[in-house]
Amino acid sequence: MLGFSVVIGIVFGFVAALMAFVITWREFERHKFAGERLFKEAFQSGIFTFVVFLLLSILAGFLLIRFVVHSPMFIP
């Protein structure tokens, strides 16, 4: 179950990171950034977004395992 949440985190984290990269790129481009700094800022935004989505997915998977799957009311 935890492995599944990691896969979900990687997939959706990648999509979110790509969107964050594009949004940051366009916004910084509007504010007259160019070249290496523009790429660096957009890339940092994408990496941060990916890490946040991955960590939140792992946390959600852990909480589901801990409190839902192993609860006495769960009947497989």
PDB file of N, CA and C in Angstrom:
ATOM      1  N   MET A   1       0.826  -1.199   0.000  1.00  0.00           N
ATOM      2  CA  MET A   1       0.000   0.000   0.000  1.00  0.00           C
ATOM      3  C   MET A   1       0.868   1.259   0.000  1.00  0.00           C
ATOM      4  N   LEU A   2       1.941   1.229   0.787  1.00  0.00           N
ATOM      5  CA  LEU A   2       2.818   2.396   0.835  1.00  0.00           C
ATOM      6  C   LEU A   2       3.545   2.582  -0.498  1.00  0.00           C
ATOM      7  N   GLY A   3       3.889   1.471  -1.146  1.00  0.00           N
ATOM      8  CA  GLY A   3       4.522   1.547  -2.463  1.00  0.00           C
ATOM      9  C   GLY A   3       3.606   2.180  -3.493  1.00  0.00           C
ATOM     10  N   PHE A   4       2.322   1.871  -3.393  1.00  0.00           N
ATOM     11  CA  PHE A   4       1.342   2.460  -4.300  1.00  0.00           C
ATOM     12  C   PHE A   4       1.263   3.969  -4.111  1.00  0.00           C
ATOM     13  N   SER A   5       1.304   4.423  -2.867  1.00  0.00           N
ATOM     14  CA  SER A   5       1.235   5.863  -2.623  1.00  0.00           C
ATOM     15  C   SER A   5       2.500   6.567  -3.112  1.00  0.00           C
ATOM     16  N   VAL A   6       3.640   5.873  -3.092  1.00  0.00           N
ATOM     17  CA  VAL A   6       4.871   6.451  -3.642  1.00  0.00           C
ATOM     18  C   VAL A   6       4.743   6.599  -5.156  1.00  0.00           C
ATOM     19  N   VAL A   7       4.198   5.591  -5.815  1.00  0.00           N
ATOM     20  CA  VAL A   7       4.002   5.665  -7.271  1.00  0.00           C
ATOM     21  C   VAL A   7       3.036   6.792  -7.617  1.00  0.00           C
ATOM     22  N   ILE A   8       1.947   6.887  -6.873  1.00  0.00           N
ATOM     23  CA  ILE A   8       0.985   7.975  -7.093  1.00  0.00           C
ATOM     24  C   ILE A   8       1.660   9.326  -6.874  1.00  0.00           C
ATOM     25  N   GLY A   9       2.461   9.422  -5.823  1.00  0.00           N
ATOM     26  CA  GLY A   9       3.179  10.665  -5.538  1.00  0.00           C
ATOM     27  C   GLY A   9       4.147  11.045  -6.640  1.00  0.00           C
ATOM     28  N   ILE A  10       4.828  10.058  -7.208  1.00  0.00           N
ATOM     29  CA  ILE A  10       5.770  10.339  -8.293  1.00  0.00           C
ATOM     30  C   ILE A  10       5.032  10.813  -9.538  1.00  0.00           C
ATOM     31  N   VAL A  11       3.955  10.128  -9.887  1.00  0.00           N
ATOM     32  CA  VAL A  11       3.207  10.489 -11.102  1.00  0.00           C
ATOM     33  C   VAL A  11       2.584  11.878 -10.969  1.00  0.00           C
ATOM     34  N   PHE A  12       1.808  12.087  -9.916  1.00  0.00           N
ATOM     35  CA  PHE A  12       1.152  13.382  -9.755  1.00  0.00           C
ATOM     36  C   PHE A  12       2.142  14.477  -9.375  1.00  0.00           C
ATOM     37  N   GLY A  13       3.211  14.108  -8.683  1.00  0.00           N
ATOM     38  CA  GLY A  13       4.258  15.072  -8.370  1.00  0.00           C
ATOM     39  C   GLY A  13       4.941  15.577  -9.626  1.00  0.00           C
ATOM     40  N   PHE A  14       5.171  14.669 -10.586  1.00  0.00           N
ATOM     41  CA  PHE A  14       5.780  15.075 -11.848  1.00  0.00           C
ATOM     42  C   PHE A  14       4.866  16.026 -12.618  1.00  0.00           C
ATOM     43  N   VAL A  15       3.585  15.709 -12.666  1.00  0.00           N
ATOM     44  CA  VAL A  15       2.628  16.580 -13.367  1.00  0.00           C
ATOM     45  C   VAL A  15       2.559  17.947 -12.682  1.00  0.00           C
ATOM     46  N   ALA A  16       2.493  17.949 -11.355  1.00  0.00           N
ATOM     47  CA  ALA A  16       2.440  19.209 -10.611  1.00  0.00           C
ATOM     48  C   ALA A  16       3.723  20.007 -10.794  1.00  0.00           C
ATOM     49  N   ALA A  17       4.865  19.317 -10.807  1.00  0.00           N
ATOM     50  CA  ALA A  17       6.147  19.999 -10.996  1.00  0.00           C
ATOM     51  C   ALA A  17       6.235  20.628 -12.380  1.00  0.00           C
ATOM     52  N   LEU A  18       5.745  19.917 -13.373  1.00  0.00           N
ATOM     53  CA  LEU A  18       5.742  20.456 -14.728  1.00  0.00           C
ATOM     54  C   LEU A  18       4.873  21.710 -14.817  1.00  0.00           C
ATOM     55  N   MET A  19       3.700  21.663 -14.202  1.00  0.00           N
ATOM     56  CA  MET A  19       2.820  22.827 -14.200  1.00  0.00           C
ATOM     57  C   MET A  19       3.443  23.996 -13.429  1.00  0.00           C
ATOM     58  N   ALA A  20       4.071  23.710 -12.294  1.00  0.00           N
ATOM     59  CA  ALA A  20       4.728  24.766 -11.516  1.00  0.00           C
ATOM     60  C   ALA A  20       5.869  25.385 -12.317  1.00  0.00           C
ATOM     61  N   PHE A  21       6.612  24.553 -13.038  1.00  0.00           N
ATOM     62  CA  PHE A  21       7.702  25.051 -13.875  1.00  0.00           C
ATOM     63  C   PHE A  21       7.169  26.009 -14.936  1.00  0.00           C
ATOM     64  N   VAL A  22       6.120  25.592 -15.625  1.00  0.00           N
ATOM     65  CA  VAL A  22       5.557  26.415 -16.707  1.00  0.00           C
ATOM     66  C   VAL A  22       4.983  27.717 -16.158  1.00  0.00           C
ATOM     67  N   ILE A  23       4.245  27.641 -15.060  1.00  0.00           N
ATOM     68  CA  ILE A  23       3.646  28.843 -14.472  1.00  0.00           C
ATOM     69  C   ILE A  23       4.724  29.803 -13.998  1.00  0.00           C
ATOM     70  N   THR A  24       5.736  29.280 -13.309  1.00  0.00           N
ATOM     71  CA  THR A  24       6.815  30.132 -12.819  1.00  0.00           C
ATOM     72  C   THR A  24       7.590  30.742 -13.977  1.00  0.00           C
ATOM     73  N   TRP A  25       7.830  29.954 -15.006  1.00  0.00           N
ATOM     74  CA  TRP A  25       8.547  30.450 -16.186  1.00  0.00           C
ATOM     75  C   TRP A  25       7.816  31.646 -16.787  1.00  0.00           C
ATOM     76  N   ARG A  26       6.506  31.485 -16.999  1.00  0.00           N
ATOM     77  CA  ARG A  26       5.723  32.569 -17.617  1.00  0.00           C
ATOM     78  C   ARG A  26       5.676  33.809 -16.727  1.00  0.00           C
ATOM     79  N   GLU A  27       5.515  33.622 -15.422  1.00  0.00           N
ATOM     80  CA  GLU A  27       5.450  34.771 -14.514  1.00  0.00           C
ATOM     81  C   GLU A  27       6.786  35.507 -14.447  1.00  0.00           C
ATOM     82  N   PHE A  28       7.876  34.776 -14.359  1.00  0.00           N
ATOM     83  CA  PHE A  28       9.185  35.421 -14.296  1.00  0.00           C
ATOM     84  C   PHE A  28       9.544  36.057 -15.638  1.00  0.00           C
ATOM     85  N   GLU A  29       9.064  35.472 -16.714  1.00  0.00           N
ATOM     86  CA  GLU A  29       9.285  36.055 -18.032  1.00  0.00           C
ATOM     87  C   GLU A  29       8.571  37.402 -18.147  1.00  0.00           C
ATOM     88  N   ARG A  30       7.387  37.492 -17.580  1.00  0.00           N
ATOM     89  CA  ARG A  30       6.637  38.756 -17.584  1.00  0.00           C
ATOM     90  C   ARG A  30       7.348  39.837 -16.787  1.00  0.00           C
ATOM     91  N   HIS A  31       8.132  39.421 -15.798  1.00  0.00           N
ATOM     92  CA  HIS A  31       8.845  40.381 -14.952  1.00  0.00           C
ATOM     93  C   HIS A  31      10.282  40.591 -15.422  1.00  0.00           C
ATOM     94  N   LYS A  32      10.511  40.305 -16.684  1.00  0.00           N
ATOM     95  CA  LYS A  32      11.765  40.609 -17.381  1.00  0.00           C
ATOM     96  C   LYS A  32      12.985  39.816 -16.913  1.00  0.00           C
ATOM     97  N   PHE A  33      12.781  38.607 -16.390  1.00  0.00           N
ATOM     98  CA  PHE A  33      13.915  37.724 -16.128  1.00  0.00           C
ATOM     99  C   PHE A  33      14.256  37.028 -17.439  1.00  0.00           C
ATOM    100  N   ALA A  34      15.513  36.637 -17.591  1.00  0.00           N
ATOM    101  CA  ALA A  34      15.912  35.963 -18.827  1.00  0.00           C
ATOM    102  C   ALA A  34      17.080  35.027 -18.552  1.00  0.00           C
ATOM    103  N   GLY A  35      17.283  34.128 -19.495  1.00  0.00           N
ATOM    104  CA  GLY A  35      18.460  33.279 -19.475  1.00  0.00           C
ATOM    105  C   GLY A  35      18.499  32.265 -18.356  1.00  0.00           C
ATOM    106  N   GLU A  36      19.687  32.133 -17.778  1.00  0.00           N
ATOM    107  CA  GLU A  36      19.931  31.102 -16.774  1.00  0.00           C
ATOM    108  C   GLU A  36      19.113  31.322 -15.504  1.00  0.00           C
ATOM    109  N   ARG A  37      18.951  32.564 -15.098  1.00  0.00           N
ATOM    110  CA  ARG A  37      18.192  32.836 -13.871  1.00  0.00           C
ATOM    111  C   ARG A  37      16.728  32.438 -14.034  1.00  0.00           C
ATOM    112  N   LEU A  38      16.162  32.697 -15.185  1.00  0.00           N
ATOM    113  CA  LEU A  38      14.775  32.320 -15.453  1.00  0.00           C
ATOM    114  C   LEU A  38      14.607  30.808 -15.337  1.00  0.00           C
ATOM    115  N   PHE A  39      15.502  30.052 -15.965  1.00  0.00           N
ATOM    116  CA  PHE A  39      15.432  28.595 -15.893  1.00  0.00           C
ATOM    117  C   PHE A  39      15.650  28.105 -14.465  1.00  0.00           C
ATOM    118  N   LYS A  40      16.625  28.677 -13.773  1.00  0.00           N
ATOM    119  CA  LYS A  40      16.952  28.242 -12.411  1.00  0.00           C
ATOM    120  C   LYS A  40      15.772  28.428 -11.465  1.00  0.00           C
ATOM    121  N   GLU A  41      15.128  29.579 -11.523  1.00  0.00           N
ATOM    122  CA  GLU A  41      13.989  29.850 -10.640  1.00  0.00           C
ATOM    123  C   GLU A  41      12.814  28.925 -10.954  1.00  0.00           C
ATOM    124  N   ALA A  42      12.533  28.725 -12.225  1.00  0.00           N
ATOM    125  CA  ALA A  42      11.427  27.848 -12.615  1.00  0.00           C
ATOM    126  C   ALA A  42      11.726  26.398 -12.239  1.00  0.00           C
ATOM    127  N   PHE A  43      12.977  25.975 -12.401  1.00  0.00           N
ATOM    128  CA  PHE A  43      13.364  24.609 -12.060  1.00  0.00           C
ATOM    129  C   PHE A  43      13.274  24.380 -10.554  1.00  0.00           C
ATOM    130  N   GLN A  44      13.711  25.348  -9.761  1.00  0.00           N
ATOM    131  CA  GLN A  44      13.613  25.233  -8.303  1.00  0.00           C
ATOM    132  C   GLN A  44      12.159  25.117  -7.867  1.00  0.00           C
ATOM    133  N   SER A  45      11.301  25.874  -8.496  1.00  0.00           N
ATOM    134  CA  SER A  45       9.878  25.804  -8.182  1.00  0.00           C
ATOM    135  C   SER A  45       9.316  24.425  -8.510  1.00  0.00           C
ATOM    136  N   GLY A  46       9.706  23.880  -9.637  1.00  0.00           N
ATOM    137  CA  GLY A  46       9.254  22.549 -10.028  1.00  0.00           C
ATOM    138  C   GLY A  46       9.755  21.468  -9.087  1.00  0.00           C
ATOM    139  N   ILE A  47      11.021  21.529  -8.700  1.00  0.00           N
ATOM    140  CA  ILE A  47      11.591  20.537  -7.780  1.00  0.00           C
ATOM    141  C   ILE A  47      10.904  20.610  -6.421  1.00  0.00           C
ATOM    142  N   PHE A  48      10.695  21.820  -5.922  1.00  0.00           N
ATOM    143  CA  PHE A  48      10.024  21.986  -4.633  1.00  0.00           C
ATOM    144  C   PHE A  48       8.619  21.396  -4.678  1.00  0.00           C
ATOM    145  N   THR A  49       7.890  21.664  -5.752  1.00  0.00           N
ATOM    146  CA  THR A  49       6.536  21.141  -5.896  1.00  0.00           C
ATOM    147  C   THR A  49       6.536  19.616  -5.949  1.00  0.00           C
ATOM    148  N   PHE A  50       7.479  19.038  -6.677  1.00  0.00           N
ATOM    149  CA  PHE A  50       7.579  17.581  -6.765  1.00  0.00           C
ATOM    150  C   PHE A  50       7.822  16.968  -5.390  1.00  0.00           C
ATOM    151  N   VAL A  51       8.750  17.529  -4.645  1.00  0.00           N
ATOM    152  CA  VAL A  51       9.082  16.998  -3.315  1.00  0.00           C
ATOM    153  C   VAL A  51       7.885  17.102  -2.377  1.00  0.00           C
ATOM    154  N   VAL A  52       7.185  18.230  -2.409  1.00  0.00           N
ATOM    155  CA  VAL A  52       6.012  18.407  -1.540  1.00  0.00           C
ATOM    156  C   VAL A  52       4.934  17.382  -1.888  1.00  0.00           C
ATOM    157  N   PHE A  53       4.636  17.196  -3.170  1.00  0.00           N
ATOM    158  CA  PHE A  53       3.620  16.216  -3.563  1.00  0.00           C
ATOM    159  C   PHE A  53       4.027  14.806  -3.174  1.00  0.00           C
ATOM    160  N   LEU A  54       5.299  14.467  -3.355  1.00  0.00           N
ATOM    161  CA  LEU A  54       5.770  13.135  -3.000  1.00  0.00           C
ATOM    162  C   LEU A  54       5.659  12.899  -1.497  1.00  0.00           C
ATOM    163  N   LEU A  55       6.091  13.864  -0.698  1.00  0.00           N
ATOM    164  CA  LEU A  55       6.017  13.707   0.756  1.00  0.00           C
ATOM    165  C   LEU A  55       4.573  13.637   1.251  1.00  0.00           C
ATOM    166  N   LEU A  56       3.697  14.454   0.686  1.00  0.00           N
ATOM    167  CA  LEU A  56       2.288  14.401   1.085  1.00  0.00           C
ATOM    168  C   LEU A  56       1.647  13.072   0.694  1.00  0.00           C
ATOM    169  N   SER A  57       2.029  12.530  -0.438  1.00  0.00           N
ATOM    170  CA  SER A  57       1.508  11.232  -0.856  1.00  0.00           C
ATOM    171  C   SER A  57       1.982  10.122   0.073  1.00  0.00           C
ATOM    172  N   ILE A  58       3.248  10.149   0.455  1.00  0.00           N
ATOM    173  CA  ILE A  58       3.770   9.148   1.391  1.00  0.00           C
ATOM    174  C   ILE A  58       3.082   9.275   2.740  1.00  0.00           C
ATOM    175  N   LEU A  59       2.883  10.495   3.201  1.00  0.00           N
ATOM    176  CA  LEU A  59       2.185  10.720   4.469  1.00  0.00           C
ATOM    177  C   LEU A  59       0.751  10.200   4.403  1.00  0.00           C
ATOM    178  N   ALA A  60       0.060  10.469   3.302  1.00  0.00           N
ATOM    179  CA  ALA A  60      -1.312   9.981   3.153  1.00  0.00           C
ATOM    180  C   ALA A  60      -1.352   8.456   3.132  1.00  0.00           C
ATOM    181  N   GLY A  61      -0.409   7.834   2.439  1.00  0.00           N
ATOM    182  CA  GLY A  61      -0.341   6.373   2.423  1.00  0.00           C
ATOM    183  C   GLY A  61      -0.077   5.801   3.800  1.00  0.00           C
ATOM    184  N   PHE A  62       0.834   6.414   4.532  1.00  0.00           N
ATOM    185  CA  PHE A  62       1.134   5.959   5.891  1.00  0.00           C
ATOM    186  C   PHE A  62      -0.090   6.090   6.797  1.00  0.00           C
ATOM    187  N   LEU A  63      -0.777   7.227   6.705  1.00  0.00           N
ATOM    188  CA  LEU A  63      -1.960   7.434   7.544  1.00  0.00           C
ATOM    189  C   LEU A  63      -3.075   6.455   7.187  1.00  0.00           C
ATOM    190  N   LEU A  64      -3.238   6.170   5.907  1.00  0.00           N
ATOM    191  CA  LEU A  64      -4.252   5.191   5.503  1.00  0.00           C
ATOM    192  C   LEU A  64      -3.927   3.807   6.043  1.00  0.00           C
ATOM    193  N   ILE A  65      -2.660   3.419   5.952  1.00  0.00           N
ATOM    194  CA  ILE A  65      -2.262   2.112   6.481  1.00  0.00           C
ATOM    195  C   ILE A  65      -2.452   2.062   7.989  1.00  0.00           C
ATOM    196  N   ARG A  66      -2.026   3.099   8.653  1.00  0.00           N
ATOM    197  CA  ARG A  66      -2.023   3.111  10.125  1.00  0.00           C
ATOM    198  C   ARG A  66      -3.433   3.166  10.708  1.00  0.00           C
ATOM    199  N   PHE A  67      -4.289   4.018  10.159  1.00  0.00           N
ATOM    200  CA  PHE A  67      -5.579   4.273  10.796  1.00  0.00           C
ATOM    201  C   PHE A  67      -6.782   3.672  10.078  1.00  0.00           C
ATOM    202  N   VAL A  68      -6.643   3.281   8.826  1.00  0.00           N
ATOM    203  CA  VAL A  68      -7.788   2.728   8.105  1.00  0.00           C
ATOM    204  C   VAL A  68      -7.637   1.223   7.925  1.00  0.00           C
ATOM    205  N   VAL A  69      -6.522   0.792   7.369  1.00  0.00           N
ATOM    206  CA  VAL A  69      -6.340  -0.627   7.074  1.00  0.00           C
ATOM    207  C   VAL A  69      -6.197  -1.442   8.352  1.00  0.00           C
ATOM    208  N   HIS A  70      -5.488  -0.928   9.336  1.00  0.00           N
ATOM    209  CA  HIS A  70      -5.262  -1.662  10.574  1.00  0.00           C
ATOM    210  C   HIS A  70      -6.282  -1.325  11.666  1.00  0.00           C
ATOM    211  N   SER A  71      -7.355  -0.661  11.312  1.00  0.00           N
ATOM    212  CA  SER A  71      -8.370  -0.356  12.324  1.00  0.00           C
ATOM    213  C   SER A  71      -9.241  -1.594  12.556  1.00  0.00           C
ATOM    214  N   PRO A  72      -9.810  -1.741  13.747  1.00  0.00           N
ATOM    215  CA  PRO A  72     -10.629  -2.915  14.038  1.00  0.00           C
ATOM    216  C   PRO A  72     -11.921  -2.972  13.221  1.00  0.00           C
ATOM    217  N   MET A  73     -12.347  -1.852  12.652  1.00  0.00           N
ATOM    218  CA  MET A  73     -13.592  -1.836  11.887  1.00  0.00           C
ATOM    219  C   MET A  73     -13.377  -2.198  10.419  1.00  0.00           C
ATOM    220  N   PHE A  74     -12.122  -2.294   9.964  1.00  0.00           N
ATOM    221  CA  PHE A  74     -11.826  -2.615   8.568  1.00  0.00           C
ATOM    222  C   PHE A  74     -11.990  -4.115   8.337  1.00  0.00           C
ATOM    223  N   ILE A  75     -12.837  -4.475   7.381  1.00  0.00           N
ATOM    224  CA  ILE A  75     -13.067  -5.881   7.041  1.00  0.00           C
ATOM    225  C   ILE A  75     -12.618  -6.076   5.595  1.00  0.00           C
ATOM    226  N   PRO A  76     -11.522  -6.830   5.373  1.00  0.00           N
ATOM    227  CA  PRO A  76     -11.026  -7.004   3.994  1.00  0.00           C
ATOM    228  C   PRO A  76     -11.924  -7.873   3.156  1.00  0.00           C
TER     229      PRO A  76
END
